[in-house]
Amino acid sequence: MRLQTLWALLAKRECLGLSSAAMAREARLAWAGAALGVYVGSYKELTEAQASQLIEKIQQHLPPELLRRSPNRKSRHRRSRKPGAIAIDRARSAPTGAQMELITTRLGELGRTREWLDAWLASGRTAPCRAIRTQRDADRVLNALANMLRRSKASAISSQPTAQPEEVLV
């Protein structure tokens, strides 16, 4: 797989302009055969030593910055943070005071109490979690309460009687 990836980088860099996959495959196999001095019908036929030899030849034509393997996802994420920034794992960190205040506000807007919230969470039927232990749990509860609020407002609007047009007397 690495050999095909490096060939693609070389072909792009050298602007070979191979228009179709079949042309690209033929050009790749012809190059490999010429580099090794043997006929190559498929990369699968190559021995490990032959593949290594081709990889080294391609690497001689490519700049070093293209040859660096991309880091794994975790280290890439680690590097993307600002220096000195503290990583917060929302799945493990306790909910913030602001989140709890917002939950209380949403409950008031819905006309519900904290006792109702605790009972709803404990029921587990439609609740997003059993208890608010982490920031992620608080986010899930906030989303659920926001959806309830949105639905209650939508049903209140649709249940209002529509005004009847006045009869026009002639």
Protein backbone atom coordinates (compact mmCIF):
# COMPACT_ATOMS: atom_id res chain seq x y z
CA MET A 1 0.00 0.00 0.00
CA ARG A 2 2.83 2.40 0.84
CA LEU A 3 4.35 1.75 -2.58
CA GLN A 4 1.17 2.78 -4.38
CA THR A 5 0.80 5.87 -2.20
CA LEU A 6 4.36 6.95 -2.91
CA TRP A 7 3.87 6.30 -6.64
CA ALA A 8 0.78 8.55 -6.60
CA LEU A 9 2.82 11.32 -4.94
CA LEU A 10 5.59 10.92 -7.51
CA ALA A 11 3.16 10.88 -10.45
CA LYS A 12 1.46 14.04 -9.16
CA ARG A 13 4.78 15.77 -8.52
CA GLU A 14 6.22 14.82 -11.91
CA CYS A 15 2.94 15.89 -13.60
CA LEU A 16 2.65 12.67 -15.53
CA GLY A 17 -0.93 13.61 -16.41
CA LEU A 18 -2.26 10.07 -16.47
CA SER A 19 -5.88 10.50 -17.43
CA SER A 20 -7.30 7.09 -16.63
CA ALA A 21 -6.78 4.48 -13.96
CA ALA A 22 -5.71 1.94 -16.58
CA MET A 23 -3.04 4.32 -17.93
CA ALA A 24 -1.84 5.04 -14.41
CA ARG A 25 -1.60 1.33 -13.62
CA GLU A 26 0.29 0.57 -16.83
CA ALA A 27 2.69 3.47 -16.24
CA ARG A 28 3.27 2.38 -12.63
CA LEU A 29 3.97 -1.23 -13.60
CA ALA A 30 6.22 -0.17 -16.51
CA TRP A 31 8.22 2.10 -14.20
CA ALA A 32 8.54 -0.66 -11.59
CA GLY A 33 9.69 -3.15 -14.23
CA ALA A 34 12.27 -0.72 -15.60
CA ALA A 35 13.55 0.14 -12.11
CA LEU A 36 13.92 -3.53 -11.14
CA GLY A 37 14.99 -4.84 -14.56
CA VAL A 38 12.26 -7.50 -14.56
CA TYR A 39 8.70 -7.72 -15.86
CA VAL A 40 6.16 -6.68 -13.24
CA GLY A 41 2.57 -7.74 -13.95
CA SER A 42 1.22 -6.69 -10.56
CA TYR A 43 2.54 -5.20 -7.35
CA LYS A 44 1.26 -8.32 -5.61
CA GLU A 45 3.94 -10.33 -7.42
CA LEU A 46 6.76 -8.29 -5.87
CA THR A 47 8.87 -9.73 -3.13
CA GLU A 48 9.38 -7.70 0.03
CA ALA A 49 12.94 -6.88 -1.07
CA GLN A 50 11.76 -5.67 -4.50
CA ALA A 51 9.02 -3.51 -2.94
CA SER A 52 11.55 -2.00 -0.51
CA GLN A 53 13.90 -1.26 -3.41
CA LEU A 54 11.11 0.53 -5.32
CA ILE A 55 10.11 2.51 -2.24
CA GLU A 56 13.70 3.69 -1.81
CA LYS A 57 13.90 4.74 -5.48
CA ILE A 58 10.67 6.73 -5.25
CA GLN A 59 11.80 8.36 -2.01
CA GLN A 60 14.95 9.64 -3.73
CA HIS A 61 12.75 11.72 -6.05
CA LEU A 62 10.41 13.12 -3.39
CA PRO A 63 11.14 15.92 -0.90
CA PRO A 64 11.42 14.86 2.77
CA GLU A 65 8.30 16.77 3.85
CA LEU A 66 6.17 14.51 1.64
CA LEU A 67 7.69 11.38 3.13
CA ARG A 68 6.74 12.06 6.73
CA ARG A 69 3.94 9.82 7.84
CA SER A 70 0.96 11.63 9.29
CA PRO A 71 0.75 11.27 13.06
CA ASN A 72 -2.04 9.30 14.59
CA ARG A 73 -5.24 11.03 15.54
CA LYS A 74 -4.50 11.40 19.25
CA SER A 75 -1.14 13.08 18.81
CA ARG A 76 -2.55 15.32 16.06
CA HIS A 77 -5.32 16.40 18.44
CA ARG A 78 -2.81 16.93 21.25
CA ARG A 79 -0.69 19.21 19.07
CA SER A 80 -3.69 21.25 17.89
CA ARG A 81 -4.29 22.69 21.36
CA LYS A 82 -2.78 26.00 22.30
CA PRO A 83 0.36 25.72 24.41
CA GLY A 84 -0.53 25.86 28.08
CA ALA A 85 -4.20 25.17 27.45
CA ILE A 86 -5.80 22.67 29.78
CA ALA A 87 -7.60 19.83 28.10
CA ILE A 88 -11.07 19.26 29.50
CA ASP A 89 -12.52 15.83 29.14
CA ARG A 90 -16.25 16.51 29.14
CA ALA A 91 -16.95 12.85 29.75
CA ARG A 92 -15.13 12.89 33.09
CA SER A 93 -15.35 16.47 34.35
CA ALA A 94 -18.08 17.49 36.78
CA PRO A 95 -20.80 19.76 35.37
CA THR A 96 -20.11 23.47 35.65
CA GLY A 97 -22.18 25.88 37.69
CA ALA A 98 -23.28 27.62 34.50
CA GLN A 99 -24.63 24.36 33.11
CA MET A 100 -26.57 23.64 36.29
CA GLU A 101 -27.99 27.18 36.33
CA LEU A 102 -29.09 26.79 32.72
CA ILE A 103 -30.78 23.49 33.55
CA THR A 104 -32.64 25.20 36.41
CA THR A 105 -33.68 28.02 34.06
CA ARG A 106 -34.94 25.57 31.43
CA LEU A 107 -36.90 23.68 34.10
CA GLY A 108 -38.54 26.96 35.18
CA GLU A 109 -39.45 27.77 31.57
CA LEU A 110 -41.07 24.35 31.29
CA GLY A 111 -42.86 24.78 34.64
CA ARG A 112 -41.01 21.80 36.13
CA THR A 113 -39.07 21.35 39.36
CA ARG A 114 -35.73 19.78 40.23
CA GLU A 115 -37.62 16.89 41.84
CA TRP A 116 -39.38 16.23 38.54
CA LEU A 117 -35.99 16.26 36.75
CA ASP A 118 -34.49 13.79 39.24
CA ALA A 119 -37.49 11.47 38.88
CA TRP A 120 -37.36 11.74 35.08
CA LEU A 121 -33.64 10.95 35.00
CA ALA A 122 -34.09 8.01 37.38
CA SER A 123 -36.90 6.57 35.25
CA GLY A 124 -34.52 6.08 32.33
CA ARG A 125 -37.38 5.82 29.84
CA THR A 126 -36.67 8.82 27.64
CA ALA A 127 -34.02 10.47 29.75
CA PRO A 128 -30.59 10.90 28.14
CA CYS A 129 -28.79 9.66 31.29
CA ARG A 130 -29.55 8.33 34.79
CA ALA A 131 -28.00 11.27 36.67
CA ILE A 132 -26.04 14.44 35.92
CA ARG A 133 -22.52 13.44 36.88
CA THR A 134 -20.42 14.89 34.05
CA GLN A 135 -20.40 17.85 31.68
CA ARG A 136 -21.45 15.51 28.87
CA ASP A 137 -24.47 14.40 30.93
CA ALA A 138 -25.36 18.04 31.58
CA ASP A 139 -25.10 18.80 27.84
CA ARG A 140 -27.41 15.89 27.04
CA VAL A 141 -29.96 17.00 29.62
CA LEU A 142 -29.81 20.58 28.33
CA ASN A 143 -30.43 19.37 24.77
CA ALA A 144 -33.37 17.25 25.91
CA LEU A 145 -34.87 20.15 27.88
CA ALA A 146 -34.38 22.52 24.94
CA ASN A 147 -36.23 20.07 22.70
CA MET A 148 -39.07 19.80 25.23
CA LEU A 149 -39.28 23.59 25.41
CA ARG A 150 -39.30 23.90 21.63
CA ARG A 151 -42.06 21.29 21.30
CA SER A 152 -44.15 22.87 24.05
CA LYS A 153 -43.94 26.27 22.35
CA ALA A 154 -44.83 24.73 18.98
CA SER A 155 -47.85 22.91 20.42
CA ALA A 156 -48.99 26.07 22.24
CA ILE A 157 -48.94 27.99 18.96
CA SER A 158 -50.79 25.30 17.03
CA SER A 159 -53.45 24.88 19.74
CA GLN A 160 -54.45 28.56 19.75
CA PRO A 161 -57.84 29.08 18.11
CA THR A 162 -57.70 30.83 14.80
CA ALA A 163 -59.62 34.06 14.47
CA GLN A 164 -62.88 33.69 12.57
CA PRO A 165 -63.38 36.22 9.80
CA GLU A 166 -66.16 38.68 10.49
CA GLU A 167 -69.27 38.23 8.49
CA VAL A 168 -69.81 40.95 6.02
CA LEU A 169 -73.38 42.27 5.91
CA VAL A 170 -74.62 43.57 2.65
